[in-house]
């Protein structure tokens, strides 16, 4: 089993961001799964359905679920050269969460700025 990145398939910025992460994941340790998919629903069974799209989620090979800023540490540990970032995120969990929330709450504006539309597909 791979580590699974759950993303909002209706959000162009989310898909664009996921594509950047998948490009960085040269060892192909990550598998993208849409939150809205059947598999996404199964993996997020413990998350209130009304809150699933509030953030991205990461499910490790061991089955551990992380969401929002808390998912940054285990994700960064998997990516080439990501250990220093993981250490920074782990040392600063509140600022990491705040930064995540800032981006998440402004993803539509960021998409407009970056000229990303919802047709952007998550690619492996």
PDB file of N, CA and C in Angstrom:
ATOM      1  N   UNK A   1       0.837  -1.188   0.000  1.00  0.00           N
ATOM      2  CA  UNK A   1       0.000   0.000   0.000  1.00  0.00           C
ATOM      3  C   UNK A   1       0.877   1.246   0.000  1.00  0.00           C
ATOM      4  N   UNK A   2       0.499   2.234  -0.763  1.00  0.00           N
ATOM      5  CA  UNK A   2       1.179   3.526  -0.797  1.00  0.00           C
ATOM      6  C   UNK A   2       0.586   4.436   0.264  1.00  0.00           C
ATOM      7  N   UNK A   3       1.270   5.520   0.529  1.00  0.00           N
ATOM      8  CA  UNK A   3       0.677   6.585   1.321  1.00  0.00           C
ATOM      9  C   UNK A   3      -0.297   7.308   0.407  1.00  0.00           C
ATOM     10  N   UNK A   4      -1.482   7.582   0.911  1.00  0.00           N
ATOM     11  CA  UNK A   4      -2.546   8.151   0.087  1.00  0.00           C
ATOM     12  C   UNK A   4      -2.741   9.623   0.416  1.00  0.00           C
ATOM     13  N   UNK A   5      -2.794  10.425  -0.635  1.00  0.00           N
ATOM     14  CA  UNK A   5      -3.089  11.850  -0.509  1.00  0.00           C
ATOM     15  C   UNK A   5      -4.519  12.043  -0.992  1.00  0.00           C
ATOM     16  N   UNK A   6      -5.383  12.501  -0.094  1.00  0.00           N
ATOM     17  CA  UNK A   6      -6.782  12.755  -0.433  1.00  0.00           C
ATOM     18  C   UNK A   6      -6.962  14.235  -0.724  1.00  0.00           C
ATOM     19  N   UNK A   7      -7.571  14.525  -1.863  1.00  0.00           N
ATOM     20  CA  UNK A   7      -7.690  15.897  -2.347  1.00  0.00           C
ATOM     21  C   UNK A   7      -9.108  16.147  -2.859  1.00  0.00           C
ATOM     22  N   UNK A   8      -9.469  17.405  -2.985  1.00  0.00           N
ATOM     23  CA  UNK A   8     -10.768  17.828  -3.501  1.00  0.00           C
ATOM     24  C   UNK A   8     -10.708  17.862  -5.026  1.00  0.00           C
ATOM     25  N   UNK A   9     -11.403  16.953  -5.670  1.00  0.00           N
ATOM     26  CA  UNK A   9     -11.343  16.861  -7.134  1.00  0.00           C
ATOM     27  C   UNK A   9     -12.075  18.002  -7.836  1.00  0.00           C
ATOM     28  N   UNK A  10     -12.815  18.816  -7.091  1.00  0.00           N
ATOM     29  CA  UNK A  10     -13.527  19.954  -7.674  1.00  0.00           C
ATOM     30  C   UNK A  10     -12.724  21.250  -7.569  1.00  0.00           C
ATOM     31  N   UNK A  11     -11.574  21.195  -6.922  1.00  0.00           N
ATOM     32  CA  UNK A  11     -10.768  22.387  -6.653  1.00  0.00           C
ATOM     33  C   UNK A  11      -9.530  22.398  -7.548  1.00  0.00           C
ATOM     34  N   UNK A  12      -9.485  23.351  -8.479  1.00  0.00           N
ATOM     35  CA  UNK A  12      -8.337  23.454  -9.378  1.00  0.00           C
ATOM     36  C   UNK A  12      -7.039  23.690  -8.633  1.00  0.00           C
ATOM     37  N   UNK A  13      -7.048  24.578  -7.628  1.00  0.00           N
ATOM     38  CA  UNK A  13      -5.835  24.840  -6.863  1.00  0.00           C
ATOM     39  C   UNK A  13      -5.374  23.581  -6.132  1.00  0.00           C
ATOM     40  N   UNK A  14      -6.326  22.810  -5.599  1.00  0.00           N
ATOM     41  CA  UNK A  14      -5.982  21.574  -4.885  1.00  0.00           C
ATOM     42  C   UNK A  14      -5.328  20.572  -5.832  1.00  0.00           C
ATOM     43  N   UNK A  15      -5.902  20.442  -7.033  1.00  0.00           N
ATOM     44  CA  UNK A  15      -5.334  19.508  -8.008  1.00  0.00           C
ATOM     45  C   UNK A  15      -3.974  19.986  -8.499  1.00  0.00           C
ATOM     46  N   UNK A  16      -3.828  21.279  -8.694  1.00  0.00           N
ATOM     47  CA  UNK A  16      -2.543  21.841  -9.112  1.00  0.00           C
ATOM     48  C   UNK A  16      -1.489  21.580  -8.036  1.00  0.00           C
ATOM     49  N   UNK A  17      -1.845  21.830  -6.768  1.00  0.00           N
ATOM     50  CA  UNK A  17      -0.914  21.595  -5.654  1.00  0.00           C
ATOM     51  C   UNK A  17      -0.526  20.126  -5.574  1.00  0.00           C
ATOM     52  N   UNK A  18      -1.516  19.260  -5.729  1.00  0.00           N
ATOM     53  CA  UNK A  18      -1.246  17.825  -5.708  1.00  0.00           C
ATOM     54  C   UNK A  18      -0.281  17.445  -6.830  1.00  0.00           C
ATOM     55  N   UNK A  19      -0.475  18.012  -8.011  1.00  0.00           N
ATOM     56  CA  UNK A  19       0.438  17.722  -9.128  1.00  0.00           C
ATOM     57  C   UNK A  19       1.875  18.115  -8.793  1.00  0.00           C
ATOM     58  N   UNK A  20       2.047  19.228  -8.083  1.00  0.00           N
ATOM     59  CA  UNK A  20       3.398  19.646  -7.683  1.00  0.00           C
ATOM     60  C   UNK A  20       4.011  18.612  -6.739  1.00  0.00           C
ATOM     61  N   UNK A  21       3.216  18.136  -5.795  1.00  0.00           N
ATOM     62  CA  UNK A  21       3.688  17.126  -4.834  1.00  0.00           C
ATOM     63  C   UNK A  21       4.015  15.820  -5.552  1.00  0.00           C
ATOM     64  N   UNK A  22       3.142  15.400  -6.462  1.00  0.00           N
ATOM     65  CA  UNK A  22       3.385  14.147  -7.186  1.00  0.00           C
ATOM     66  C   UNK A  22       4.621  14.243  -8.064  1.00  0.00           C
ATOM     67  N   UNK A  23       4.871  15.408  -8.618  1.00  0.00           N
ATOM     68  CA  UNK A  23       6.087  15.611  -9.407  1.00  0.00           C
ATOM     69  C   UNK A  23       7.328  15.477  -8.515  1.00  0.00           C
ATOM     70  N   UNK A  24       7.244  16.000  -7.307  1.00  0.00           N
ATOM     71  CA  UNK A  24       8.346  15.929  -6.332  1.00  0.00           C
ATOM     72  C   UNK A  24       8.563  14.480  -5.875  1.00  0.00           C
ATOM     73  N   UNK A  25       7.527  13.696  -5.857  1.00  0.00           N
ATOM     74  CA  UNK A  25       7.554  12.303  -5.387  1.00  0.00           C
ATOM     75  C   UNK A  25       8.128  11.383  -6.469  1.00  0.00           C
ATOM     76  N   UNK A  26       9.416  11.520  -6.713  1.00  0.00           N
ATOM     77  CA  UNK A  26      10.054  10.744  -7.778  1.00  0.00           C
ATOM     78  C   UNK A  26      10.035   9.240  -7.507  1.00  0.00           C
ATOM     79  N   UNK A  27       9.974   8.836  -6.246  1.00  0.00           N
ATOM     80  CA  UNK A  27       9.943   7.411  -5.910  1.00  0.00           C
ATOM     81  C   UNK A  27       8.535   6.822  -6.000  1.00  0.00           C
ATOM     82  N   UNK A  28       7.558   7.669  -6.318  1.00  0.00           N
ATOM     83  CA  UNK A  28       6.163   7.232  -6.457  1.00  0.00           C
ATOM     84  C   UNK A  28       5.654   6.518  -5.203  1.00  0.00           C
ATOM     85  N   UNK A  29       5.854   7.161  -4.070  1.00  0.00           N
ATOM     86  CA  UNK A  29       5.400   6.620  -2.789  1.00  0.00           C
ATOM     87  C   UNK A  29       3.981   7.083  -2.452  1.00  0.00           C
ATOM     88  N   UNK A  30       3.464   8.026  -3.228  1.00  0.00           N
ATOM     89  CA  UNK A  30       2.147   8.613  -2.952  1.00  0.00           C
ATOM     90  C   UNK A  30       1.126   8.186  -3.995  1.00  0.00           C
ATOM     91  N   UNK A  31      -0.100   7.984  -3.534  1.00  0.00           N
ATOM     92  CA  UNK A  31      -1.206   7.670  -4.440  1.00  0.00           C
ATOM     93  C   UNK A  31      -2.309   8.695  -4.218  1.00  0.00           C
ATOM     94  N   UNK A  32      -2.726   9.412  -5.268  1.00  0.00           N
ATOM     95  CA  UNK A  32      -3.808  10.392  -5.122  1.00  0.00           C
ATOM     96  C   UNK A  32      -5.176   9.713  -5.136  1.00  0.00           C
ATOM     97  N   UNK A  33      -6.039  10.167  -4.240  1.00  0.00           N
ATOM     98  CA  UNK A  33      -7.416   9.679  -4.179  1.00  0.00           C
ATOM     99  C   UNK A  33      -8.313  10.879  -3.918  1.00  0.00           C
ATOM    100  N   UNK A  34      -9.354  11.034  -4.711  1.00  0.00           N
ATOM    101  CA  UNK A  34     -10.299  12.138  -4.512  1.00  0.00           C
ATOM    102  C   UNK A  34     -11.108  11.898  -3.238  1.00  0.00           C
ATOM    103  N   UNK A  35     -11.264  12.941  -2.453  1.00  0.00           N
ATOM    104  CA  UNK A  35     -12.068  12.864  -1.231  1.00  0.00           C
ATOM    105  C   UNK A  35     -13.484  12.401  -1.577  1.00  0.00           C
ATOM    106  N   UNK A  36     -14.010  12.863  -2.707  1.00  0.00           N
ATOM    107  CA  UNK A  36     -15.382  12.579  -3.099  1.00  0.00           C
ATOM    108  C   UNK A  36     -15.581  11.160  -3.643  1.00  0.00           C
ATOM    109  N   UNK A  37     -14.516  10.409  -3.824  1.00  0.00           N
ATOM    110  CA  UNK A  37     -14.637   9.062  -4.378  1.00  0.00           C
ATOM    111  C   UNK A  37     -15.105   8.074  -3.306  1.00  0.00           C
ATOM    112  N   UNK A  38     -15.504   6.906  -3.770  1.00  0.00           N
ATOM    113  CA  UNK A  38     -15.908   5.840  -2.840  1.00  0.00           C
ATOM    114  C   UNK A  38     -14.743   5.475  -1.919  1.00  0.00           C
ATOM    115  N   UNK A  39     -13.549   5.347  -2.495  1.00  0.00           N
ATOM    116  CA  UNK A  39     -12.373   5.029  -1.680  1.00  0.00           C
ATOM    117  C   UNK A  39     -12.082   6.152  -0.689  1.00  0.00           C
ATOM    118  N   UNK A  40     -12.251   7.406  -1.139  1.00  0.00           N
ATOM    119  CA  UNK A  40     -12.063   8.542  -0.246  1.00  0.00           C
ATOM    120  C   UNK A  40     -13.020   8.485   0.936  1.00  0.00           C
ATOM    121  N   UNK A  41     -14.282   8.167   0.677  1.00  0.00           N
ATOM    122  CA  UNK A  41     -15.264   8.041   1.743  1.00  0.00           C
ATOM    123  C   UNK A  41     -14.896   6.953   2.731  1.00  0.00           C
ATOM    124  N   UNK A  42     -14.384   5.838   2.213  1.00  0.00           N
ATOM    125  CA  UNK A  42     -13.970   4.731   3.077  1.00  0.00           C
ATOM    126  C   UNK A  42     -12.778   5.130   3.940  1.00  0.00           C
ATOM    127  N   UNK A  43     -11.802   5.770   3.313  1.00  0.00           N
ATOM    128  CA  UNK A  43     -10.597   6.168   4.045  1.00  0.00           C
ATOM    129  C   UNK A  43     -10.874   7.259   5.079  1.00  0.00           C
ATOM    130  N   UNK A  44     -11.894   8.067   4.822  1.00  0.00           N
ATOM    131  CA  UNK A  44     -12.232   9.170   5.725  1.00  0.00           C
ATOM    132  C   UNK A  44     -13.473   8.879   6.559  1.00  0.00           C
ATOM    133  N   UNK A  45     -13.783   7.624   6.772  1.00  0.00           N
ATOM    134  CA  UNK A  45     -14.988   7.236   7.515  1.00  0.00           C
ATOM    135  C   UNK A  45     -15.037   7.872   8.906  1.00  0.00           C
ATOM    136  N   UNK A  46     -13.885   8.080   9.529  1.00  0.00           N
ATOM    137  CA  UNK A  46     -13.870   8.654  10.878  1.00  0.00           C
ATOM    138  C   UNK A  46     -13.984  10.179  10.881  1.00  0.00           C
ATOM    139  N   UNK A  47     -13.970  10.794   9.707  1.00  0.00           N
ATOM    140  CA  UNK A  47     -14.095  12.250   9.594  1.00  0.00           C
ATOM    141  C   UNK A  47     -15.545  12.580   9.256  1.00  0.00           C
ATOM    142  N   UNK A  48     -16.115  13.535   9.961  1.00  0.00           N
ATOM    143  CA  UNK A  48     -17.479  13.974   9.692  1.00  0.00           C
ATOM    144  C   UNK A  48     -17.605  14.339   8.210  1.00  0.00           C
ATOM    145  N   UNK A  49     -18.608  13.781   7.516  1.00  0.00           N
ATOM    146  CA  UNK A  49     -18.754  14.064   6.077  1.00  0.00           C
ATOM    147  C   UNK A  49     -18.799  15.558   5.753  1.00  0.00           C
ATOM    148  N   UNK A  50     -19.362  16.357   6.631  1.00  0.00           N
ATOM    149  CA  UNK A  50     -19.431  17.793   6.410  1.00  0.00           C
ATOM    150  C   UNK A  50     -18.101  18.500   6.545  1.00  0.00           C
ATOM    151  N   UNK A  51     -17.091  17.811   7.074  1.00  0.00           N
ATOM    152  CA  UNK A  51     -15.775  18.416   7.267  1.00  0.00           C
ATOM    153  C   UNK A  51     -14.686  17.827   6.371  1.00  0.00           C
ATOM    154  N   UNK A  52     -15.016  16.834   5.594  1.00  0.00           N
ATOM    155  CA  UNK A  52     -14.002  16.159   4.766  1.00  0.00           C
ATOM    156  C   UNK A  52     -13.344  17.091   3.762  1.00  0.00           C
ATOM    157  N   UNK A  53     -14.113  18.019   3.201  1.00  0.00           N
ATOM    158  CA  UNK A  53     -13.567  18.917   2.189  1.00  0.00           C
ATOM    159  C   UNK A  53     -12.950  20.181   2.784  1.00  0.00           C
ATOM    160  N   UNK A  54     -12.897  20.260   4.110  1.00  0.00           N
ATOM    161  CA  UNK A  54     -12.282  21.422   4.761  1.00  0.00           C
ATOM    162  C   UNK A  54     -10.766  21.432   4.615  1.00  0.00           C
ATOM    163  N   UNK A  55     -10.175  20.275   4.286  1.00  0.00           N
ATOM    164  CA  UNK A  55      -8.722  20.201   4.147  1.00  0.00           C
ATOM    165  C   UNK A  55      -8.350  18.986   3.310  1.00  0.00           C
ATOM    166  N   UNK A  56      -7.084  18.879   3.028  1.00  0.00           N
ATOM    167  CA  UNK A  56      -6.555  17.681   2.398  1.00  0.00           C
ATOM    168  C   UNK A  56      -6.224  16.700   3.513  1.00  0.00           C
ATOM    169  N   UNK A  57      -5.998  15.444   3.153  1.00  0.00           N
ATOM    170  CA  UNK A  57      -5.733  14.408   4.148  1.00  0.00           C
ATOM    171  C   UNK A  57      -4.639  13.489   3.624  1.00  0.00           C
ATOM    172  N   UNK A  58      -3.962  12.852   4.554  1.00  0.00           N
ATOM    173  CA  UNK A  58      -2.904  11.906   4.221  1.00  0.00           C
ATOM    174  C   UNK A  58      -3.137  10.651   5.040  1.00  0.00           C
ATOM    175  N   UNK A  59      -3.135   9.498   4.400  1.00  0.00           N
ATOM    176  CA  UNK A  59      -3.250   8.217   5.089  1.00  0.00           C
ATOM    177  C   UNK A  59      -1.962   7.454   4.814  1.00  0.00           C
ATOM    178  N   UNK A  60      -1.213   7.180   5.881  1.00  0.00           N
ATOM    179  CA  UNK A  60       0.077   6.500   5.737  1.00  0.00           C
ATOM    180  C   UNK A  60      -0.118   5.017   5.434  1.00  0.00           C
ATOM    181  N   UNK A  61       0.954   4.372   5.059  1.00  0.00           N
ATOM    182  CA  UNK A  61       0.920   2.932   4.793  1.00  0.00           C
ATOM    183  C   UNK A  61       0.452   2.156   6.017  1.00  0.00           C
ATOM    184  N   UNK A  62       0.691   2.713   7.209  1.00  0.00           N
ATOM    185  CA  UNK A  62       0.277   2.064   8.463  1.00  0.00           C
ATOM    186  C   UNK A  62      -1.191   2.347   8.796  1.00  0.00           C
ATOM    187  N   UNK A  63      -1.839   3.182   7.981  1.00  0.00           N
ATOM    188  CA  UNK A  63      -3.245   3.493   8.199  1.00  0.00           C
ATOM    189  C   UNK A  63      -3.502   4.711   9.062  1.00  0.00           C
ATOM    190  N   UNK A  64      -2.449   5.449   9.429  1.00  0.00           N
ATOM    191  CA  UNK A  64      -2.606   6.657  10.250  1.00  0.00           C
ATOM    192  C   UNK A  64      -3.142   7.797   9.379  1.00  0.00           C
ATOM    193  N   UNK A  65      -4.174   8.485   9.875  1.00  0.00           N
ATOM    194  CA  UNK A  65      -4.786   9.588   9.154  1.00  0.00           C
ATOM    195  C   UNK A  65      -4.308  10.923   9.713  1.00  0.00           C
ATOM    196  N   UNK A  66      -3.861  11.800   8.819  1.00  0.00           N
ATOM    197  CA  UNK A  66      -3.463  13.165   9.162  1.00  0.00           C
ATOM    198  C   UNK A  66      -4.250  14.111   8.269  1.00  0.00           C
ATOM    199  N   UNK A  67      -4.596  15.277   8.807  1.00  0.00           N
ATOM    200  CA  UNK A  67      -5.352  16.255   8.033  1.00  0.00           C
ATOM    201  C   UNK A  67      -4.763  17.638   8.204  1.00  0.00           C
ATOM    202  N   UNK A  68      -5.013  18.473   7.184  1.00  0.00           N
ATOM    203  CA  UNK A  68      -4.626  19.893   7.211  1.00  0.00           C
ATOM    204  C   UNK A  68      -3.123  20.036   7.464  1.00  0.00           C
ATOM    205  N   UNK A  69      -2.727  21.005   8.289  1.00  0.00           N
ATOM    206  CA  UNK A  69      -1.313  21.264   8.551  1.00  0.00           C
ATOM    207  C   UNK A  69      -0.588  20.094   9.183  1.00  0.00           C
ATOM    208  N   UNK A  70      -1.298  19.291   9.966  1.00  0.00           N
ATOM    209  CA  UNK A  70      -0.668  18.134  10.623  1.00  0.00           C
ATOM    210  C   UNK A  70      -0.156  17.112   9.606  1.00  0.00           C
ATOM    211  N   UNK A  71      -0.714  17.118   8.400  1.00  0.00           N
ATOM    212  CA  UNK A  71      -0.274  16.179   7.366  1.00  0.00           C
ATOM    213  C   UNK A  71       1.035  16.597   6.716  1.00  0.00           C
ATOM    214  N   UNK A  72       1.474  17.829   6.954  1.00  0.00           N
ATOM    215  CA  UNK A  72       2.693  18.327   6.312  1.00  0.00           C
ATOM    216  C   UNK A  72       3.934  17.565   6.760  1.00  0.00           C
ATOM    217  N   UNK A  73       3.998  17.215   8.040  1.00  0.00           N
ATOM    218  CA  UNK A  73       5.191  16.524   8.554  1.00  0.00           C
ATOM    219  C   UNK A  73       5.359  15.150   7.908  1.00  0.00           C
ATOM    220  N   UNK A  74       4.359  14.256   7.989  1.00  0.00           N
ATOM    221  CA  UNK A  74       4.577  12.940   7.376  1.00  0.00           C
ATOM    222  C   UNK A  74       4.746  13.006   5.857  1.00  0.00           C
ATOM    223  N   UNK A  75       4.091  13.972   5.207  1.00  0.00           N
ATOM    224  CA  UNK A  75       4.266  14.122   3.758  1.00  0.00           C
ATOM    225  C   UNK A  75       5.698  14.520   3.444  1.00  0.00           C
ATOM    226  N   UNK A  76       6.206  15.547   4.112  1.00  0.00           N
ATOM    227  CA  UNK A  76       7.562  16.038   3.831  1.00  0.00           C
ATOM    228  C   UNK A  76       8.603  14.954   4.075  1.00  0.00           C
ATOM    229  N   UNK A  77       8.382  14.106   5.064  1.00  0.00           N
ATOM    230  CA  UNK A  77       9.332  13.018   5.344  1.00  0.00           C
ATOM    231  C   UNK A  77       9.452  12.032   4.188  1.00  0.00           C
ATOM    232  N   UNK A  78       8.403  11.924   3.393  1.00  0.00           N
ATOM    233  CA  UNK A  78       8.402  10.978   2.271  1.00  0.00           C
ATOM    234  C   UNK A  78       9.055  11.524   1.013  1.00  0.00           C
ATOM    235  N   UNK A  79       9.180  12.833   0.918  1.00  0.00           N
ATOM    236  CA  UNK A  79       9.654  13.446  -0.320  1.00  0.00           C
ATOM    237  C   UNK A  79      11.164  13.631  -0.322  1.00  0.00           C
ATOM    238  N   UNK A  80      11.805  13.479  -1.471  1.00  0.00           N
ATOM    239  CA  UNK A  80      13.254  13.652  -1.548  1.00  0.00           C
ATOM    240  C   UNK A  80      13.670  15.041  -1.066  1.00  0.00           C
ATOM    241  N   UNK A  81      14.572  15.074  -0.111  1.00  0.00           N
ATOM    242  CA  UNK A  81      15.046  16.344   0.440  1.00  0.00           C
ATOM    243  C   UNK A  81      14.055  17.000   1.384  1.00  0.00           C
ATOM    244  N   UNK A  82      12.981  16.324   1.727  1.00  0.00           N
ATOM    245  CA  UNK A  82      11.933  16.913   2.552  1.00  0.00           C
ATOM    246  C   UNK A  82      12.153  16.845   4.050  1.00  0.00           C
ATOM    247  N   UNK A  83      13.162  16.116   4.497  1.00  0.00           N
ATOM    248  CA  UNK A  83      13.363  15.959   5.954  1.00  0.00           C
ATOM    249  C   UNK A  83      13.590  17.290   6.673  1.00  0.00           C
ATOM    250  N   UNK A  84      14.369  18.225   6.131  1.00  0.00           N
ATOM    251  CA  UNK A  84      14.500  19.517   6.825  1.00  0.00           C
ATOM    252  C   UNK A  84      13.156  20.249   6.952  1.00  0.00           C
ATOM    253  N   UNK A  85      12.341  20.186   5.911  1.00  0.00           N
ATOM    254  CA  UNK A  85      11.006  20.789   5.988  1.00  0.00           C
ATOM    255  C   UNK A  85      10.156  20.086   7.037  1.00  0.00           C
ATOM    256  N   UNK A  86      10.216  18.765   7.075  1.00  0.00           N
ATOM    257  CA  UNK A  86       9.460  18.003   8.070  1.00  0.00           C
ATOM    258  C   UNK A  86       9.878  18.418   9.479  1.00  0.00           C
ATOM    259  N   UNK A  87      11.175  18.604   9.692  1.00  0.00           N
ATOM    260  CA  UNK A  87      11.669  19.020  11.014  1.00  0.00           C
ATOM    261  C   UNK A  87      11.141  20.418  11.358  1.00  0.00           C
ATOM    262  N   UNK A  88      11.130  21.304  10.385  1.00  0.00           N
ATOM    263  CA  UNK A  88      10.609  22.653  10.603  1.00  0.00           C
ATOM    264  C   UNK A  88       9.115  22.607  10.942  1.00  0.00           C
ATOM    265  N   UNK A  89       8.341  21.850  10.155  1.00  0.00           N
ATOM    266  CA  UNK A  89       6.909  21.726  10.413  1.00  0.00           C
ATOM    267  C   UNK A  89       6.643  21.115  11.789  1.00  0.00           C
ATOM    268  N   UNK A  90       7.444  20.113  12.167  1.00  0.00           N
ATOM    269  CA  UNK A  90       7.271  19.459  13.469  1.00  0.00           C
ATOM    270  C   UNK A  90       7.611  20.407  14.613  1.00  0.00           C
ATOM    271  N   UNK A  91       8.617  21.241  14.410  1.00  0.00           N
ATOM    272  CA  UNK A  91       9.025  22.192  15.456  1.00  0.00           C
ATOM    273  C   UNK A  91       8.042  23.343  15.598  1.00  0.00           C
ATOM    274  N   UNK A  92       7.291  23.624  14.529  1.00  0.00           N
ATOM    275  CA  UNK A  92       6.372  24.770  14.520  1.00  0.00           C
ATOM    276  C   UNK A  92       4.961  24.347  14.093  1.00  0.00           C
ATOM    277  N   UNK A  93       4.304  23.489  14.886  1.00  0.00           N
ATOM    278  CA  UNK A  93       2.997  22.983  14.445  1.00  0.00           C
ATOM    279  C   UNK A  93       1.919  24.054  14.329  1.00  0.00           C
ATOM    280  N   UNK A  94       1.893  25.017  15.229  1.00  0.00           N
ATOM    281  CA  UNK A  94       0.853  26.057  15.140  1.00  0.00           C
ATOM    282  C   UNK A  94       1.045  26.948  13.911  1.00  0.00           C
ATOM    283  N   UNK A  95       2.259  27.446  13.664  1.00  0.00           N
ATOM    284  CA  UNK A  95       2.440  28.234  12.429  1.00  0.00           C
ATOM    285  C   UNK A  95       2.206  27.409  11.155  1.00  0.00           C
ATOM    286  N   UNK A  96       2.546  26.124  11.194  1.00  0.00           N
ATOM    287  CA  UNK A  96       2.302  25.266  10.032  1.00  0.00           C
ATOM    288  C   UNK A  96       0.806  25.154   9.774  1.00  0.00           C
ATOM    289  N   UNK A  97       0.030  24.929  10.838  1.00  0.00           N
ATOM    290  CA  UNK A  97      -1.423  24.846  10.698  1.00  0.00           C
ATOM    291  C   UNK A  97      -2.001  26.183  10.240  1.00  0.00           C
ATOM    292  N   UNK A  98      -1.504  27.269  10.808  1.00  0.00           N
ATOM    293  CA  UNK A  98      -1.994  28.603  10.434  1.00  0.00           C
ATOM    294  C   UNK A  98      -1.693  28.888   8.962  1.00  0.00           C
ATOM    295  N   UNK A  99      -0.499  28.534   8.508  1.00  0.00           N
ATOM    296  CA  UNK A  99      -0.135  28.740   7.103  1.00  0.00           C
ATOM    297  C   UNK A  99      -1.026  27.889   6.201  1.00  0.00           C
ATOM    298  N   UNK A 100      -1.270  26.641   6.610  1.00  0.00           N
ATOM    299  CA  UNK A 100      -2.149  25.784   5.828  1.00  0.00           C
ATOM    300  C   UNK A 100      -3.540  26.410   5.723  1.00  0.00           C
ATOM    301  N   UNK A 101      -4.087  26.836   6.843  1.00  0.00           N
ATOM    302  CA  UNK A 101      -5.432  27.429   6.862  1.00  0.00           C
ATOM    303  C   UNK A 101      -5.497  28.695   6.012  1.00  0.00           C
ATOM    304  N   UNK A 102      -4.447  29.498   6.061  1.00  0.00           N
ATOM    305  CA  UNK A 102      -4.407  30.716   5.253  1.00  0.00           C
ATOM    306  C   UNK A 102      -4.521  30.369   3.768  1.00  0.00           C
ATOM    307  N   UNK A 103      -3.727  29.398   3.336  1.00  0.00           N
ATOM    308  CA  UNK A 103      -3.766  28.979   1.929  1.00  0.00           C
ATOM    309  C   UNK A 103      -5.119  28.340   1.606  1.00  0.00           C
ATOM    310  N   UNK A 104      -5.577  27.427   2.468  1.00  0.00           N
ATOM    311  CA  UNK A 104      -6.840  26.729   2.209  1.00  0.00           C
ATOM    312  C   UNK A 104      -8.014  27.698   2.133  1.00  0.00           C
ATOM    313  N   UNK A 105      -8.017  28.682   2.997  1.00  0.00           N
ATOM    314  CA  UNK A 105      -9.123  29.644   3.017  1.00  0.00           C
ATOM    315  C   UNK A 105      -9.094  30.614   1.840  1.00  0.00           C
ATOM    316  N   UNK A 106      -7.969  30.665   1.134  1.00  0.00           N
ATOM    317  CA  UNK A 106      -7.837  31.584  -0.001  1.00  0.00           C
ATOM    318  C   UNK A 106      -7.488  30.844  -1.295  1.00  0.00           C
ATOM    319  N   UNK A 107      -7.817  29.572  -1.353  1.00  0.00           N
ATOM    320  CA  UNK A 107      -7.429  28.760  -2.518  1.00  0.00           C
ATOM    321  C   UNK A 107      -8.069  29.246  -3.813  1.00  0.00           C
ATOM    322  N   UNK A 108      -9.277  29.757  -3.742  1.00  0.00           N
ATOM    323  CA  UNK A 108      -9.911  30.257  -4.964  1.00  0.00           C
ATOM    324  C   UNK A 108      -9.190  31.497  -5.484  1.00  0.00           C
ATOM    325  N   UNK A 109      -8.832  32.387  -4.577  1.00  0.00           N
ATOM    326  CA  UNK A 109      -8.094  33.591  -4.975  1.00  0.00           C
ATOM    327  C   UNK A 109      -6.718  33.220  -5.516  1.00  0.00           C
ATOM    328  N   UNK A 110      -6.061  32.256  -4.871  1.00  0.00           N
ATOM    329  CA  UNK A 110      -4.748  31.798  -5.341  1.00  0.00           C
ATOM    330  C   UNK A 110      -4.872  31.168  -6.725  1.00  0.00           C
ATOM    331  N   UNK A 111      -5.929  30.415  -6.934  1.00  0.00           N
ATOM    332  CA  UNK A 111      -6.141  29.801  -8.255  1.00  0.00           C
ATOM    333  C   UNK A 111      -6.288  30.880  -9.330  1.00  0.00           C
ATOM    334  N   UNK A 112      -7.030  31.938  -9.009  1.00  0.00           N
ATOM    335  CA  UNK A 112      -7.186  33.035  -9.979  1.00  0.00           C
ATOM    336  C   UNK A 112      -5.848  33.706 -10.252  1.00  0.00           C
ATOM    337  N   UNK A 113      -5.090  33.957  -9.181  1.00  0.00           N
ATOM    338  CA  UNK A 113      -3.780  34.592  -9.324  1.00  0.00           C
ATOM    339  C   UNK A 113      -2.841  33.757 -10.190  1.00  0.00           C
ATOM    340  N   UNK A 114      -2.865  32.441  -9.986  1.00  0.00           N
ATOM    341  CA  UNK A 114      -1.982  31.527 -10.716  1.00  0.00           C
ATOM    342  C   UNK A 114      -2.592  31.057 -12.041  1.00  0.00           C
ATOM    343  N   UNK A 115      -3.811  31.553 -12.326  1.00  0.00           N
ATOM    344  CA  UNK A 115      -4.532  31.191 -13.552  1.00  0.00           C
ATOM    345  C   UNK A 115      -4.753  29.682 -13.667  1.00  0.00           C
ATOM    346  N   UNK A 116      -5.187  29.119 -12.550  1.00  0.00           N
ATOM    347  CA  UNK A 116      -5.491  27.688 -12.478  1.00  0.00           C
ATOM    348  C   UNK A 116      -7.010  27.560 -12.505  1.00  0.00           C
ATOM    349  N   UNK A 117      -7.521  26.670 -13.353  1.00  0.00           N
ATOM    350  CA  UNK A 117      -8.970  26.453 -13.334  1.00  0.00           C
ATOM    351  C   UNK A 117      -9.263  25.019 -12.905  1.00  0.00           C
ATOM    352  N   UNK A 118     -10.519  24.726 -12.728  1.00  0.00           N
ATOM    353  CA  UNK A 118     -10.914  23.418 -12.208  1.00  0.00           C
ATOM    354  C   UNK A 118     -10.661  22.281 -13.191  1.00  0.00           C
ATOM    355  N   UNK A 119     -10.285  22.592 -14.422  1.00  0.00           N
ATOM    356  CA  UNK A 119     -10.002  21.530 -15.393  1.00  0.00           C
ATOM    357  C   UNK A 119      -8.639  20.879 -15.151  1.00  0.00           C
ATOM    358  N   UNK A 120      -7.835  21.463 -14.302  1.00  0.00           N
ATOM    359  CA  UNK A 120      -6.544  20.871 -13.956  1.00  0.00           C
ATOM    360  C   UNK A 120      -6.800  19.488 -13.381  1.00  0.00           C
ATOM    361  N   UNK A 121      -6.143  18.477 -13.902  1.00  0.00           N
ATOM    362  CA  UNK A 121      -6.344  17.118 -13.416  1.00  0.00           C
ATOM    363  C   UNK A 121      -5.188  16.681 -12.540  1.00  0.00           C
ATOM    364  N   UNK A 122      -5.521  15.880 -11.524  1.00  0.00           N
ATOM    365  CA  UNK A 122      -4.471  15.263 -10.709  1.00  0.00           C
ATOM    366  C   UNK A 122      -3.826  14.187 -11.557  1.00  0.00           C
ATOM    367  N   UNK A 123      -2.524  14.240 -11.672  1.00  0.00           N
ATOM    368  CA  UNK A 123      -1.819  13.291 -12.542  1.00  0.00           C
ATOM    369  C   UNK A 123      -0.807  12.505 -11.746  1.00  0.00           C
ATOM    370  N   UNK A 124      -0.619  11.325 -12.165  1.00  0.00           N
ATOM    371  CA  UNK A 124       0.390  10.455 -11.558  1.00  0.00           C
ATOM    372  C   UNK A 124       1.447  10.185 -12.572  1.00  0.00           C
TER     373      UNK A 124
END
